[in-house]
Amino acid sequence: MTWLAELLRRQTISWWNFLDIAIVAILIYQLLLLIRGTRAVQMALTAGFLIGLFFLSEWLDLEMLNWVIRNLAGYVVFAIIVLFQPDIRRAMAHFGRASLLRHFRRAQSTNETIEDVVTTAASLSSQGIGALIVVERQIGLRNYVEGGIPLEAMVTYDLLASIFQPGSPLHDGAAIIQGDRVSAAGCFLPLSVSPGVRREMGTRHRAAIGLTEENDAVAIVVSEETGSISLALGGELQRGISPEALRTRLQSLLGGRRVGRLPRDDSRSSLT
């Protein structure tokens, strides 16, 4: 109990000590929010158990147990990095969305872009044609764009509808929108491995969930079997959403702004 006596004999706690405690408490709280509902919870409990054993071995002078725990600590760190790569990426992405980093955010999508996406989803839904459209937000999707077919074209209903026609070679992949441009199509996305995902969900829905689990992008999925429209965000899927509700959600998530477009004839003539 020597450490307790030394703690009680410390000088008066200052405001800086309160600030230090508050910052550590906030960091621990954010960490608990990040691992809530994931398999990292079990790892955290195991780590807490090992830490408790370490202090117990120090207190009871259990030299062998103390030696084993100290030598295993380094290997445990590497095991955590290897086994929990998705959770670590999600934590880094969450930090990147912090308010202090807002000035690094990318340009918002225009209302015209959102309207084209909603119109495309509604049209494909009525025809029973499957589609997967991903809209980039703060975290870049360059690694997925490079794996698809580059387009770099202005977002239009005609372009998006043609991409997902059953006869199109780009039909099975995802179309990625960055700002007001379709950067690439036919992109392959990581499938979700979460045990909470229903087995009856198809590849498009699993890909939408898998991408948004580690990225802040918005994914719009049109089911080929039922024609229903779904929206994936933060690893969660909202199914059976109407076009009007989709429009409202996209405007709130993407911060739609009104920007006038050049007439198509003028834009073509300026390129010739």
C-alpha atoms as a PDB file:
ATOM      1  CA  MET A   1       0.000   0.000   0.000  1.00  0.00           C
ATOM      2  CA  THR A   2       3.030   2.239  -0.307  1.00  0.00           C
ATOM      3  CA  TRP A   3       1.837   3.599  -3.635  1.00  0.00           C
ATOM      4  CA  LEU A   4      -1.464   4.678  -2.065  1.00  0.00           C
ATOM      5  CA  ALA A   5       0.298   6.541   0.715  1.00  0.00           C
ATOM      6  CA  GLU A   6       2.522   8.303  -1.824  1.00  0.00           C
ATOM      7  CA  LEU A   7      -0.541   9.257  -3.884  1.00  0.00           C
ATOM      8  CA  LEU A   8      -2.254  10.772  -0.871  1.00  0.00           C
ATOM      9  CA  ARG A   9       0.851  12.812  -0.035  1.00  0.00           C
ATOM     10  CA  ARG A  10       0.905  14.471  -3.469  1.00  0.00           C
ATOM     11  CA  GLN A  11       0.522  18.192  -3.896  1.00  0.00           C
ATOM     12  CA  THR A  12      -2.830  19.884  -4.521  1.00  0.00           C
ATOM     13  CA  ILE A  13      -4.386  18.892  -7.843  1.00  0.00           C
ATOM     14  CA  SER A  14      -4.312  21.750 -10.362  1.00  0.00           C
ATOM     15  CA  TRP A  15      -6.573  22.588 -13.292  1.00  0.00           C
ATOM     16  CA  TRP A  16      -4.019  20.983 -15.619  1.00  0.00           C
ATOM     17  CA  ASN A  17      -4.476  17.688 -13.801  1.00  0.00           C
ATOM     18  CA  PHE A  18      -8.237  17.895 -14.307  1.00  0.00           C
ATOM     19  CA  LEU A  19      -7.657  18.647 -17.994  1.00  0.00           C
ATOM     20  CA  ASP A  20      -5.312  15.678 -18.272  1.00  0.00           C
ATOM     21  CA  ILE A  21      -7.867  13.368 -16.645  1.00  0.00           C
ATOM     22  CA  ALA A  22     -10.673  14.719 -18.854  1.00  0.00           C
ATOM     23  CA  ILE A  23      -8.696  14.119 -22.073  1.00  0.00           C
ATOM     24  CA  VAL A  24      -7.818  10.558 -21.065  1.00  0.00           C
ATOM     25  CA  ALA A  25     -11.449   9.892 -20.102  1.00  0.00           C
ATOM     26  CA  ILE A  26     -12.696  11.171 -23.470  1.00  0.00           C
ATOM     27  CA  LEU A  27     -10.164   9.015 -25.336  1.00  0.00           C
ATOM     28  CA  ILE A  28     -11.186   5.925 -23.385  1.00  0.00           C
ATOM     29  CA  TYR A  29     -14.868   6.694 -24.000  1.00  0.00           C
ATOM     30  CA  GLN A  30     -14.302   7.086 -27.741  1.00  0.00           C
ATOM     31  CA  LEU A  31     -12.339   3.832 -27.803  1.00  0.00           C
ATOM     32  CA  LEU A  32     -15.194   2.008 -26.087  1.00  0.00           C
ATOM     33  CA  LEU A  33     -17.651   3.436 -28.623  1.00  0.00           C
ATOM     34  CA  LEU A  34     -15.472   2.217 -31.481  1.00  0.00           C
ATOM     35  CA  ILE A  35     -15.175  -1.362 -30.247  1.00  0.00           C
ATOM     36  CA  ARG A  36     -18.800  -1.645 -29.083  1.00  0.00           C
ATOM     37  CA  GLY A  37     -20.564  -4.405 -30.965  1.00  0.00           C
ATOM     38  CA  THR A  38     -17.363  -5.740 -32.563  1.00  0.00           C
ATOM     39  CA  ARG A  39     -15.168  -8.727 -31.863  1.00  0.00           C
ATOM     40  CA  ALA A  40     -12.593  -6.343 -30.383  1.00  0.00           C
ATOM     41  CA  VAL A  41     -14.677  -6.341 -27.194  1.00  0.00           C
ATOM     42  CA  GLN A  42     -13.525  -9.888 -26.418  1.00  0.00           C
ATOM     43  CA  MET A  43      -9.917  -8.892 -27.072  1.00  0.00           C
ATOM     44  CA  ALA A  44     -10.302  -5.896 -24.745  1.00  0.00           C
ATOM     45  CA  LEU A  45     -11.643  -8.167 -21.998  1.00  0.00           C
ATOM     46  CA  THR A  46      -8.731 -10.543 -22.519  1.00  0.00           C
ATOM     47  CA  ALA A  47      -6.253  -7.666 -22.385  1.00  0.00           C
ATOM     48  CA  GLY A  48      -7.853  -6.414 -19.166  1.00  0.00           C
ATOM     49  CA  PHE A  49      -7.589  -9.909 -17.686  1.00  0.00           C
ATOM     50  CA  LEU A  50      -3.879 -10.137 -18.583  1.00  0.00           C
ATOM     51  CA  ILE A  51      -3.204  -6.691 -17.119  1.00  0.00           C
ATOM     52  CA  GLY A  52      -4.939  -7.759 -13.917  1.00  0.00           C
ATOM     53  CA  LEU A  53      -2.807 -10.906 -13.803  1.00  0.00           C
ATOM     54  CA  PHE A  54       0.328  -8.818 -14.308  1.00  0.00           C
ATOM     55  CA  PHE A  55      -0.401  -6.570 -11.333  1.00  0.00           C
ATOM     56  CA  LEU A  56      -1.432  -9.589  -9.289  1.00  0.00           C
ATOM     57  CA  SER A  57       1.881 -11.278 -10.047  1.00  0.00           C
ATOM     58  CA  GLU A  58       3.705  -8.086  -9.031  1.00  0.00           C
ATOM     59  CA  TRP A  59       1.792  -7.905  -5.768  1.00  0.00           C
ATOM     60  CA  LEU A  60       2.188 -11.619  -4.858  1.00  0.00           C
ATOM     61  CA  ASP A  61       5.775 -11.890  -6.208  1.00  0.00           C
ATOM     62  CA  LEU A  62       4.815 -14.561  -8.762  1.00  0.00           C
ATOM     63  CA  GLU A  63       8.004 -14.283 -10.789  1.00  0.00           C
ATOM     64  CA  MET A  64       7.250 -16.991 -13.365  1.00  0.00           C
ATOM     65  CA  LEU A  65       3.782 -15.604 -14.193  1.00  0.00           C
ATOM     66  CA  ASN A  66       5.188 -12.088 -14.337  1.00  0.00           C
ATOM     67  CA  TRP A  67       7.949 -13.208 -16.728  1.00  0.00           C
ATOM     68  CA  VAL A  68       5.484 -14.982 -19.042  1.00  0.00           C
ATOM     69  CA  ILE A  69       3.155 -11.974 -19.269  1.00  0.00           C
ATOM     70  CA  ARG A  70       6.009  -9.510 -19.896  1.00  0.00           C
ATOM     71  CA  ASN A  71       7.419 -11.654 -22.719  1.00  0.00           C
ATOM     72  CA  LEU A  72       4.014 -12.227 -24.316  1.00  0.00           C
ATOM     73  CA  ALA A  73       3.123  -8.525 -24.395  1.00  0.00           C
ATOM     74  CA  GLY A  74       5.088  -7.766 -27.582  1.00  0.00           C
ATOM     75  CA  TYR A  75       3.586 -10.699 -29.484  1.00  0.00           C
ATOM     76  CA  VAL A  76       0.076  -9.728 -28.390  1.00  0.00           C
ATOM     77  CA  VAL A  77       0.514  -6.272 -29.946  1.00  0.00           C
ATOM     78  CA  PHE A  78       1.460  -7.777 -33.323  1.00  0.00           C
ATOM     79  CA  ALA A  79      -1.431 -10.257 -33.090  1.00  0.00           C
ATOM     80  CA  ILE A  80      -3.877  -7.393 -32.501  1.00  0.00           C
ATOM     81  CA  ILE A  81      -2.570  -5.510 -35.556  1.00  0.00           C
ATOM     82  CA  VAL A  82      -2.927  -8.588 -37.788  1.00  0.00           C
ATOM     83  CA  LEU A  83      -6.284  -9.848 -36.518  1.00  0.00           C
ATOM     84  CA  PHE A  84      -8.049  -6.516 -36.190  1.00  0.00           C
ATOM     85  CA  GLN A  85      -7.010  -4.648 -39.324  1.00  0.00           C
ATOM     86  CA  PRO A  86     -10.623  -3.729 -40.285  1.00  0.00           C
ATOM     87  CA  ASP A  87     -11.370  -2.391 -36.800  1.00  0.00           C
ATOM     88  CA  ILE A  88      -8.139  -0.375 -36.780  1.00  0.00           C
ATOM     89  CA  ARG A  89      -8.954   1.108 -40.193  1.00  0.00           C
ATOM     90  CA  ARG A  90     -12.439   1.985 -38.950  1.00  0.00           C
ATOM     91  CA  ALA A  91     -10.957   3.683 -35.893  1.00  0.00           C
ATOM     92  CA  MET A  92      -8.558   5.718 -38.035  1.00  0.00           C
ATOM     93  CA  ALA A  93     -11.424   6.675 -40.341  1.00  0.00           C
ATOM     94  CA  HIS A  94     -13.491   7.772 -37.333  1.00  0.00           C
ATOM     95  CA  PHE A  95     -10.611   9.963 -36.187  1.00  0.00           C
ATOM     96  CA  GLY A  96     -10.342  11.455 -39.669  1.00  0.00           C
ATOM     97  CA  ARG A  97     -13.965  12.597 -39.427  1.00  0.00           C
ATOM     98  CA  ALA A  98     -13.279  14.586 -36.261  1.00  0.00           C
ATOM     99  CA  SER A  99     -14.392  18.204 -36.189  1.00  0.00           C
ATOM    100  CA  LEU A 100     -10.804  19.438 -35.987  1.00  0.00           C
ATOM    101  CA  LEU A 101     -10.116  17.962 -39.419  1.00  0.00           C
ATOM    102  CA  ARG A 102     -13.171  19.344 -41.198  1.00  0.00           C
ATOM    103  CA  HIS A 103     -11.144  21.824 -43.254  1.00  0.00           C
ATOM    104  CA  PHE A 104      -9.625  18.856 -45.114  1.00  0.00           C
ATOM    105  CA  ARG A 105     -13.009  17.701 -46.371  1.00  0.00           C
ATOM    106  CA  ARG A 106     -13.713  17.334 -50.055  1.00  0.00           C
ATOM    107  CA  ALA A 107     -16.138  19.314 -52.151  1.00  0.00           C
ATOM    108  CA  GLN A 108     -19.831  18.680 -51.584  1.00  0.00           C
ATOM    109  CA  SER A 109     -22.032  17.088 -54.188  1.00  0.00           C
ATOM    110  CA  THR A 110     -24.466  19.326 -56.024  1.00  0.00           C
ATOM    111  CA  ASN A 111     -28.221  18.970 -55.907  1.00  0.00           C
ATOM    112  CA  GLU A 112     -28.131  18.025 -59.593  1.00  0.00           C
ATOM    113  CA  THR A 113     -25.826  15.089 -58.830  1.00  0.00           C
ATOM    114  CA  ILE A 114     -28.049  13.904 -56.001  1.00  0.00           C
ATOM    115  CA  GLU A 115     -31.111  14.197 -58.227  1.00  0.00           C
ATOM    116  CA  ASP A 116     -29.455  12.140 -60.978  1.00  0.00           C
ATOM    117  CA  VAL A 117     -28.520   9.418 -58.476  1.00  0.00           C
ATOM    118  CA  VAL A 118     -32.051   9.300 -57.035  1.00  0.00           C
ATOM    119  CA  THR A 119     -33.639   9.252 -60.495  1.00  0.00           C
ATOM    120  CA  THR A 120     -31.335   6.425 -61.564  1.00  0.00           C
ATOM    121  CA  ALA A 121     -32.088   4.370 -58.452  1.00  0.00           C
ATOM    122  CA  ALA A 122     -35.850   4.859 -58.862  1.00  0.00           C
ATOM    123  CA  SER A 123     -35.750   3.964 -62.560  1.00  0.00           C
ATOM    124  CA  LEU A 124     -33.634   0.846 -62.084  1.00  0.00           C
ATOM    125  CA  SER A 125     -35.818  -0.187 -59.157  1.00  0.00           C
ATOM    126  CA  SER A 126     -38.955  -0.045 -61.295  1.00  0.00           C
ATOM    127  CA  GLN A 127     -37.225  -2.166 -63.979  1.00  0.00           C
ATOM    128  CA  GLY A 128     -35.818  -4.728 -61.537  1.00  0.00           C
ATOM    129  CA  ILE A 129     -32.207  -3.968 -62.502  1.00  0.00           C
ATOM    130  CA  GLY A 130     -29.542  -4.301 -59.834  1.00  0.00           C
ATOM    131  CA  ALA A 131     -27.108  -1.463 -59.132  1.00  0.00           C
ATOM    132  CA  LEU A 132     -24.483  -0.351 -56.631  1.00  0.00           C
ATOM    133  CA  ILE A 133     -23.572   3.343 -56.519  1.00  0.00           C
ATOM    134  CA  VAL A 134     -20.986   4.656 -54.057  1.00  0.00           C
ATOM    135  CA  VAL A 135     -20.607   8.358 -53.276  1.00  0.00           C
ATOM    136  CA  GLU A 136     -17.328   9.478 -51.749  1.00  0.00           C
ATOM    137  CA  ARG A 137     -17.375  11.756 -48.710  1.00  0.00           C
ATOM    138  CA  GLN A 138     -14.375  12.774 -46.574  1.00  0.00           C
ATOM    139  CA  ILE A 139     -12.329   9.580 -46.866  1.00  0.00           C
ATOM    140  CA  GLY A 140     -10.902   8.953 -50.333  1.00  0.00           C
ATOM    141  CA  LEU A 141     -11.794   5.911 -52.430  1.00  0.00           C
ATOM    142  CA  ARG A 142      -8.785   6.066 -54.732  1.00  0.00           C
ATOM    143  CA  ASN A 143      -7.689   2.465 -54.113  1.00  0.00           C
ATOM    144  CA  TYR A 144     -11.105   1.208 -55.242  1.00  0.00           C
ATOM    145  CA  VAL A 145     -11.261   3.622 -58.171  1.00  0.00           C
ATOM    146  CA  GLU A 146      -7.925   2.358 -59.490  1.00  0.00           C
ATOM    147  CA  GLY A 147      -9.266  -1.200 -59.472  1.00  0.00           C
ATOM    148  CA  GLY A 148     -12.190  -0.319 -61.770  1.00  0.00           C
ATOM    149  CA  ILE A 149     -12.670   1.095 -65.269  1.00  0.00           C
ATOM    150  CA  PRO A 150     -11.860   4.842 -65.270  1.00  0.00           C
ATOM    151  CA  LEU A 151     -14.588   7.101 -66.666  1.00  0.00           C
ATOM    152  CA  GLU A 152     -14.067  10.623 -65.267  1.00  0.00           C
ATOM    153  CA  ALA A 153     -17.426  11.765 -66.647  1.00  0.00           C
ATOM    154  CA  MET A 154     -20.066  14.156 -65.342  1.00  0.00           C
ATOM    155  CA  VAL A 155     -22.790  12.434 -63.336  1.00  0.00           C
ATOM    156  CA  THR A 156     -25.928  12.065 -65.430  1.00  0.00           C
ATOM    157  CA  TYR A 157     -28.910   9.773 -65.349  1.00  0.00           C
ATOM    158  CA  ASP A 158     -28.126   8.457 -68.846  1.00  0.00           C
ATOM    159  CA  LEU A 159     -24.582   7.478 -67.858  1.00  0.00           C
ATOM    160  CA  LEU A 160     -25.538   5.743 -64.626  1.00  0.00           C
ATOM    161  CA  ALA A 161     -28.467   3.923 -66.223  1.00  0.00           C
ATOM    162  CA  SER A 162     -26.281   2.659 -69.076  1.00  0.00           C
ATOM    163  CA  ILE A 163     -23.616   1.381 -66.676  1.00  0.00           C
ATOM    164  CA  PHE A 164     -26.027  -0.952 -64.916  1.00  0.00           C
ATOM    165  CA  GLN A 165     -27.860  -2.325 -67.942  1.00  0.00           C
ATOM    166  CA  PRO A 166     -27.737  -6.156 -67.814  1.00  0.00           C
ATOM    167  CA  GLY A 167     -25.789  -6.330 -71.075  1.00  0.00           C
ATOM    168  CA  SER A 168     -23.126  -3.894 -69.906  1.00  0.00           C
ATOM    169  CA  PRO A 169     -19.724  -5.336 -68.890  1.00  0.00           C
ATOM    170  CA  LEU A 170     -19.753  -2.917 -65.926  1.00  0.00           C
ATOM    171  CA  HIS A 171     -23.102  -4.146 -64.627  1.00  0.00           C
ATOM    172  CA  ASP A 172     -21.759  -6.327 -61.808  1.00  0.00           C
ATOM    173  CA  GLY A 173     -19.365  -3.796 -60.303  1.00  0.00           C
ATOM    174  CA  ALA A 174     -19.862  -0.575 -58.377  1.00  0.00           C
ATOM    175  CA  ALA A 175     -19.901   2.943 -59.798  1.00  0.00           C
ATOM    176  CA  ILE A 176     -17.935   5.397 -57.648  1.00  0.00           C
ATOM    177  CA  ILE A 177     -18.857   9.081 -57.632  1.00  0.00           C
ATOM    178  CA  GLN A 178     -16.350  11.687 -56.477  1.00  0.00           C
ATOM    179  CA  GLY A 179     -17.842  15.144 -56.253  1.00  0.00           C
ATOM    180  CA  ASP A 180     -19.882  15.616 -59.428  1.00  0.00           C
ATOM    181  CA  ARG A 181     -18.083  13.038 -61.557  1.00  0.00           C
ATOM    182  CA  VAL A 182     -18.311   9.288 -62.030  1.00  0.00           C
ATOM    183  CA  SER A 183     -14.646   8.420 -61.480  1.00  0.00           C
ATOM    184  CA  ALA A 184     -14.884   4.709 -62.270  1.00  0.00           C
ATOM    185  CA  ALA A 185     -17.277   1.825 -62.775  1.00  0.00           C
ATOM    186  CA  GLY A 186     -16.962  -1.925 -62.454  1.00  0.00           C
ATOM    187  CA  CYS A 187     -15.179  -1.445 -59.128  1.00  0.00           C
ATOM    188  CA  PHE A 188     -14.805  -4.332 -56.700  1.00  0.00           C
ATOM    189  CA  LEU A 189     -15.528  -3.604 -53.043  1.00  0.00           C
ATOM    190  CA  PRO A 190     -14.693  -5.614 -49.903  1.00  0.00           C
ATOM    191  CA  LEU A 191     -17.481  -7.900 -48.734  1.00  0.00           C
ATOM    192  CA  SER A 192     -18.647  -7.650 -45.155  1.00  0.00           C
ATOM    193  CA  VAL A 193     -17.617 -10.523 -42.897  1.00  0.00           C
ATOM    194  CA  SER A 194     -19.760  -9.347 -39.983  1.00  0.00           C
ATOM    195  CA  PRO A 195     -21.766 -12.199 -38.450  1.00  0.00           C
ATOM    196  CA  GLY A 196     -24.718  -9.818 -38.109  1.00  0.00           C
ATOM    197  CA  VAL A 197     -25.263  -9.638 -41.881  1.00  0.00           C
ATOM    198  CA  ARG A 198     -28.222 -11.730 -43.010  1.00  0.00           C
ATOM    199  CA  ARG A 199     -27.415 -14.744 -45.153  1.00  0.00           C
ATOM    200  CA  GLU A 200     -30.065 -13.904 -47.728  1.00  0.00           C
ATOM    201  CA  MET A 201     -28.312 -10.650 -48.652  1.00  0.00           C
ATOM    202  CA  GLY A 202     -26.659 -10.668 -52.054  1.00  0.00           C
ATOM    203  CA  THR A 203     -23.174  -9.636 -53.079  1.00  0.00           C
ATOM    204  CA  ARG A 204     -24.116  -6.004 -53.726  1.00  0.00           C
ATOM    205  CA  HIS A 205     -25.570  -5.557 -50.257  1.00  0.00           C
ATOM    206  CA  ARG A 206     -22.582  -7.258 -48.615  1.00  0.00           C
ATOM    207  CA  ALA A 207     -20.192  -5.100 -50.609  1.00  0.00           C
ATOM    208  CA  ALA A 208     -22.050  -1.930 -49.618  1.00  0.00           C
ATOM    209  CA  ILE A 209     -21.920  -2.886 -45.942  1.00  0.00           C
ATOM    210  CA  GLY A 210     -18.294  -4.023 -46.190  1.00  0.00           C
ATOM    211  CA  LEU A 211     -17.148  -0.723 -47.715  1.00  0.00           C
ATOM    212  CA  THR A 212     -19.050   1.493 -45.284  1.00  0.00           C
ATOM    213  CA  GLU A 213     -17.747  -0.499 -42.311  1.00  0.00           C
ATOM    214  CA  GLU A 214     -14.284   0.959 -42.918  1.00  0.00           C
ATOM    215  CA  ASN A 215     -15.173   4.111 -44.848  1.00  0.00           C
ATOM    216  CA  ASP A 216     -17.559   7.040 -44.461  1.00  0.00           C
ATOM    217  CA  ALA A 217     -18.857   6.721 -48.028  1.00  0.00           C
ATOM    218  CA  VAL A 218     -22.555   6.385 -48.845  1.00  0.00           C
ATOM    219  CA  ALA A 219     -23.624   3.325 -50.844  1.00  0.00           C
ATOM    220  CA  ILE A 220     -26.943   3.044 -52.699  1.00  0.00           C
ATOM    221  CA  VAL A 221     -28.028  -0.479 -53.594  1.00  0.00           C
ATOM    222  CA  VAL A 222     -30.846  -1.516 -55.916  1.00  0.00           C
ATOM    223  CA  SER A 223     -31.844  -5.151 -55.483  1.00  0.00           C
ATOM    224  CA  GLU A 224     -32.043  -7.164 -58.681  1.00  0.00           C
ATOM    225  CA  GLU A 225     -34.481  -9.648 -57.123  1.00  0.00           C
ATOM    226  CA  THR A 226     -36.947  -7.362 -55.354  1.00  0.00           C
ATOM    227  CA  GLY A 227     -36.176  -3.960 -56.878  1.00  0.00           C
ATOM    228  CA  SER A 228     -36.013  -2.394 -53.415  1.00  0.00           C
ATOM    229  CA  ILE A 229     -33.638   0.502 -52.745  1.00  0.00           C
ATOM    230  CA  SER A 230     -31.242   0.349 -49.793  1.00  0.00           C
ATOM    231  CA  LEU A 231     -28.782   2.847 -48.337  1.00  0.00           C
ATOM    232  CA  ALA A 232     -25.620   1.742 -46.516  1.00  0.00           C
ATOM    233  CA  LEU A 233     -23.794   4.020 -44.106  1.00  0.00           C
ATOM    234  CA  GLY A 234     -21.413   3.241 -41.260  1.00  0.00           C
ATOM    235  CA  GLY A 235     -21.744  -0.511 -41.782  1.00  0.00           C
ATOM    236  CA  GLU A 236     -25.532  -0.411 -41.395  1.00  0.00           C
ATOM    237  CA  LEU A 237     -28.071  -1.004 -44.160  1.00  0.00           C
ATOM    238  CA  GLN A 238     -31.417   0.761 -44.376  1.00  0.00           C
ATOM    239  CA  ARG A 239     -33.611  -1.336 -46.658  1.00  0.00           C
ATOM    240  CA  GLY A 240     -36.809  -0.529 -48.516  1.00  0.00           C
ATOM    241  CA  ILE A 241     -36.186   3.206 -48.692  1.00  0.00           C
ATOM    242  CA  SER A 242     -38.351   5.298 -51.035  1.00  0.00           C
ATOM    243  CA  PRO A 243     -36.868   7.672 -53.652  1.00  0.00           C
ATOM    244  CA  GLU A 244     -38.136  10.687 -51.692  1.00  0.00           C
ATOM    245  CA  ALA A 245     -36.539   9.456 -48.478  1.00  0.00           C
ATOM    246  CA  LEU A 246     -33.348   8.645 -50.389  1.00  0.00           C
ATOM    247  CA  ARG A 247     -33.227  12.181 -51.756  1.00  0.00           C
ATOM    248  CA  THR A 248     -33.637  13.658 -48.272  1.00  0.00           C
ATOM    249  CA  ARG A 249     -30.954  11.401 -46.795  1.00  0.00           C
ATOM    250  CA  LEU A 250     -28.441  12.171 -49.531  1.00  0.00           C
ATOM    251  CA  GLN A 251     -28.997  15.898 -49.223  1.00  0.00           C
ATOM    252  CA  SER A 252     -28.370  15.769 -45.489  1.00  0.00           C
ATOM    253  CA  LEU A 253     -25.330  13.470 -45.805  1.00  0.00           C
ATOM    254  CA  LEU A 254     -23.689  15.038 -48.849  1.00  0.00           C
ATOM    255  CA  GLY A 255     -24.576  18.669 -48.205  1.00  0.00           C
ATOM    256  CA  GLY A 256     -26.161  19.305 -51.592  1.00  0.00           C
ATOM    257  CA  ARG A 257     -25.396  22.724 -53.052  1.00  0.00           C
ATOM    258  CA  ARG A 258     -26.877  24.404 -56.105  1.00  0.00           C
ATOM    259  CA  VAL A 259     -24.387  24.797 -58.941  1.00  0.00           C
ATOM    260  CA  GLY A 260     -25.455  25.568 -62.478  1.00  0.00           C
ATOM    261  CA  ARG A 261     -24.244  23.294 -65.249  1.00  0.00           C
ATOM    262  CA  LEU A 262     -23.267  24.287 -68.731  1.00  0.00           C
ATOM    263  CA  PRO A 263     -25.676  23.253 -71.472  1.00  0.00           C
ATOM    264  CA  ARG A 264     -24.539  19.994 -73.030  1.00  0.00           C
ATOM    265  CA  ASP A 265     -24.179  21.463 -76.521  1.00  0.00           C
ATOM    266  CA  ASP A 266     -21.967  24.287 -75.242  1.00  0.00           C
ATOM    267  CA  SER A 267     -19.815  21.913 -73.239  1.00  0.00           C
ATOM    268  CA  ARG A 268     -19.311  19.708 -76.280  1.00  0.00           C
ATOM    269  CA  SER A 269     -18.437  22.613 -78.533  1.00  0.00           C
ATOM    270  CA  SER A 270     -15.886  23.894 -76.026  1.00  0.00           C
ATOM    271  CA  LEU A 271     -14.032  20.582 -76.251  1.00  0.00           C
ATOM    272  CA  THR A 272     -13.839  20.517 -80.035  1.00  0.00           C
END
